[in-house]
């Protein structure tokens, strides 16, 4: 079984503009989830799902405008299928904008992989709509 999700998205905004939506909690809440995120390695934070469950995270890597990675743990009490995974974002400047690559790895169960795959597609499309509105 494939144990990771990989997607690449293309935006007309600069890596700096896209980075803001990956690291500013107010902007993250518009497309991902509300959080107490800070782009500091070792910072523990959590995303709050619409059903008031949590995704518990820890920042692993911060290279401004280039790379961001964090641990992603589901709310074990709600899902009853505990897992710990890793979300990695890579921003690459391209002619006319930014290539944004997402890798979400470490899945054990197929249902977790498929649920997150469709979730990331929805969320990153929402991100694209927000970015288009900024131009």
Protein backbone atom coordinates (compact mmCIF):
# COMPACT_ATOMS: atom_id res chain seq x y z
CA UNK A 1 0.00 0.00 0.00
CA UNK A 2 1.12 3.52 -0.79
CA UNK A 3 1.65 5.15 2.59
CA UNK A 4 1.83 8.75 1.49
CA UNK A 5 -0.08 11.42 -0.36
CA UNK A 6 1.73 13.52 -2.94
CA UNK A 7 0.25 16.50 -4.74
CA UNK A 8 1.66 19.43 -6.65
CA UNK A 9 -0.21 22.71 -7.10
CA UNK A 10 0.65 25.75 -9.18
CA UNK A 11 -0.13 29.33 -8.17
CA UNK A 12 0.53 32.66 -9.87
CA UNK A 13 1.62 34.20 -6.57
CA UNK A 14 5.22 34.36 -5.38
CA UNK A 15 6.60 31.84 -2.86
CA UNK A 16 6.50 34.62 -0.25
CA UNK A 17 2.77 35.14 -0.82
CA UNK A 18 2.00 31.42 -0.71
CA UNK A 19 4.20 31.02 2.38
CA UNK A 20 2.00 33.50 4.25
CA UNK A 21 -1.00 31.19 3.75
CA UNK A 22 1.02 28.23 5.06
CA UNK A 23 2.33 29.97 8.17
CA UNK A 24 0.02 32.82 9.25
CA UNK A 25 -2.64 31.36 11.58
CA UNK A 26 -5.27 33.91 10.50
CA UNK A 27 -4.76 33.00 6.84
CA UNK A 28 -4.47 29.26 7.60
CA UNK A 29 -7.87 29.38 9.28
CA UNK A 30 -9.40 30.60 6.00
CA UNK A 31 -8.45 27.47 4.05
CA UNK A 32 -7.17 24.81 6.46
CA UNK A 33 -8.29 25.03 10.09
CA UNK A 34 -7.97 27.40 13.04
CA UNK A 35 -4.68 26.83 14.86
CA UNK A 36 -2.13 28.26 17.25
CA UNK A 37 0.66 27.65 14.70
CA UNK A 38 4.00 29.44 14.89
CA UNK A 39 6.74 28.82 12.30
CA UNK A 40 9.31 27.82 14.95
CA UNK A 41 10.98 24.40 14.97
CA UNK A 42 9.80 22.46 18.03
CA UNK A 43 6.61 24.50 18.47
CA UNK A 44 3.65 22.32 19.50
CA UNK A 45 0.31 23.43 18.11
CA UNK A 46 -3.06 22.07 17.15
CA UNK A 47 -5.60 22.47 14.40
CA UNK A 48 -9.25 22.51 15.46
CA UNK A 49 -11.59 20.58 13.15
CA UNK A 50 -15.15 21.80 12.50
CA UNK A 51 -16.40 18.98 14.79
CA UNK A 52 -14.18 20.38 17.60
CA UNK A 53 -11.74 17.47 17.47
CA UNK A 54 -8.05 18.25 17.19
CA UNK A 55 -5.03 17.50 15.09
CA UNK A 56 -1.99 17.74 17.36
CA UNK A 57 1.20 18.87 15.65
CA UNK A 58 4.84 19.79 16.15
CA UNK A 59 6.88 21.91 13.75
CA UNK A 60 9.83 19.89 12.39
CA UNK A 61 11.30 22.16 9.71
CA UNK A 62 11.06 25.82 8.74
CA UNK A 63 13.01 27.23 5.80
CA UNK A 64 11.18 30.47 4.96
CA UNK A 65 9.60 30.55 1.51
CA UNK A 66 11.02 27.07 0.72
CA UNK A 67 10.15 24.23 3.15
CA UNK A 68 7.78 23.61 6.04
CA UNK A 69 7.16 20.30 7.81
CA UNK A 70 5.22 19.21 10.86
CA UNK A 71 4.06 16.09 12.69
CA UNK A 72 0.32 15.46 12.30
CA UNK A 73 -1.47 13.31 14.92
CA UNK A 74 -5.19 12.65 14.81
CA UNK A 75 -7.54 12.99 17.76
CA UNK A 76 -7.34 9.41 19.01
CA UNK A 77 -10.38 9.70 21.29
CA UNK A 78 -12.64 10.68 18.38
CA UNK A 79 -11.35 8.49 15.55
CA UNK A 80 -10.33 5.35 17.45
CA UNK A 81 -7.64 4.85 14.77
CA UNK A 82 -4.49 6.44 16.14
CA UNK A 83 -1.73 7.43 13.77
CA UNK A 84 1.16 9.82 13.57
CA UNK A 85 2.08 11.22 10.19
CA UNK A 86 4.14 14.00 8.67
CA UNK A 87 3.06 16.89 6.46
CA UNK A 88 5.75 18.48 4.29
CA UNK A 89 5.36 21.52 2.04
CA UNK A 90 7.95 22.55 -0.57
CA UNK A 91 7.69 25.86 -2.40
CA UNK A 92 9.60 26.27 -5.64
CA UNK A 93 9.66 29.52 -7.60
CA UNK A 94 8.67 28.99 -11.23
CA UNK A 95 8.11 31.35 -14.12
CA UNK A 96 4.88 33.13 -13.36
CA UNK A 97 4.47 31.96 -9.77
CA UNK A 98 5.03 29.08 -7.37
CA UNK A 99 4.98 25.30 -7.47
CA UNK A 100 3.71 23.99 -4.13
CA UNK A 101 4.37 20.33 -3.35
CA UNK A 102 2.63 18.49 -0.54
CA UNK A 103 3.72 15.16 0.90
CA UNK A 104 1.68 13.69 3.75
CA UNK A 105 3.34 10.44 4.83
CA UNK A 106 3.14 7.78 7.52
CA UNK A 107 -0.33 6.31 7.06
CA UNK A 108 -1.02 2.81 8.33
CA UNK A 109 -4.67 2.40 7.29
CA UNK A 110 -6.03 2.78 3.78
CA UNK A 111 -9.12 4.64 5.05
CA UNK A 112 -6.91 7.32 6.67
CA UNK A 113 -4.91 7.69 3.46
CA UNK A 114 -7.98 8.04 1.24
CA UNK A 115 -9.77 10.42 3.63
CA UNK A 116 -6.77 12.72 3.83
CA UNK A 117 -6.11 12.54 0.09
CA UNK A 118 -9.55 13.91 -0.78
CA UNK A 119 -9.32 16.36 2.13
CA UNK A 120 -6.05 17.82 0.90
CA UNK A 121 -7.41 18.19 -2.64
CA UNK A 122 -10.41 20.11 -1.31
CA UNK A 123 -8.32 22.29 1.02
CA UNK A 124 -5.63 23.13 -1.53
CA UNK A 125 -8.28 24.06 -4.09
CA UNK A 126 -9.72 26.37 -1.43
CA UNK A 127 -6.22 27.80 -0.92
CA UNK A 128 -5.98 28.45 -4.66
CA UNK A 129 -9.29 30.34 -4.63
CA UNK A 130 -8.11 32.51 -1.74
CA UNK A 131 -4.81 33.24 -3.48
CA UNK A 132 -6.62 34.22 -6.71
CA UNK A 133 -8.73 36.65 -4.72
CA UNK A 134 -5.56 38.42 -3.50
CA UNK A 135 -4.51 39.49 -7.01
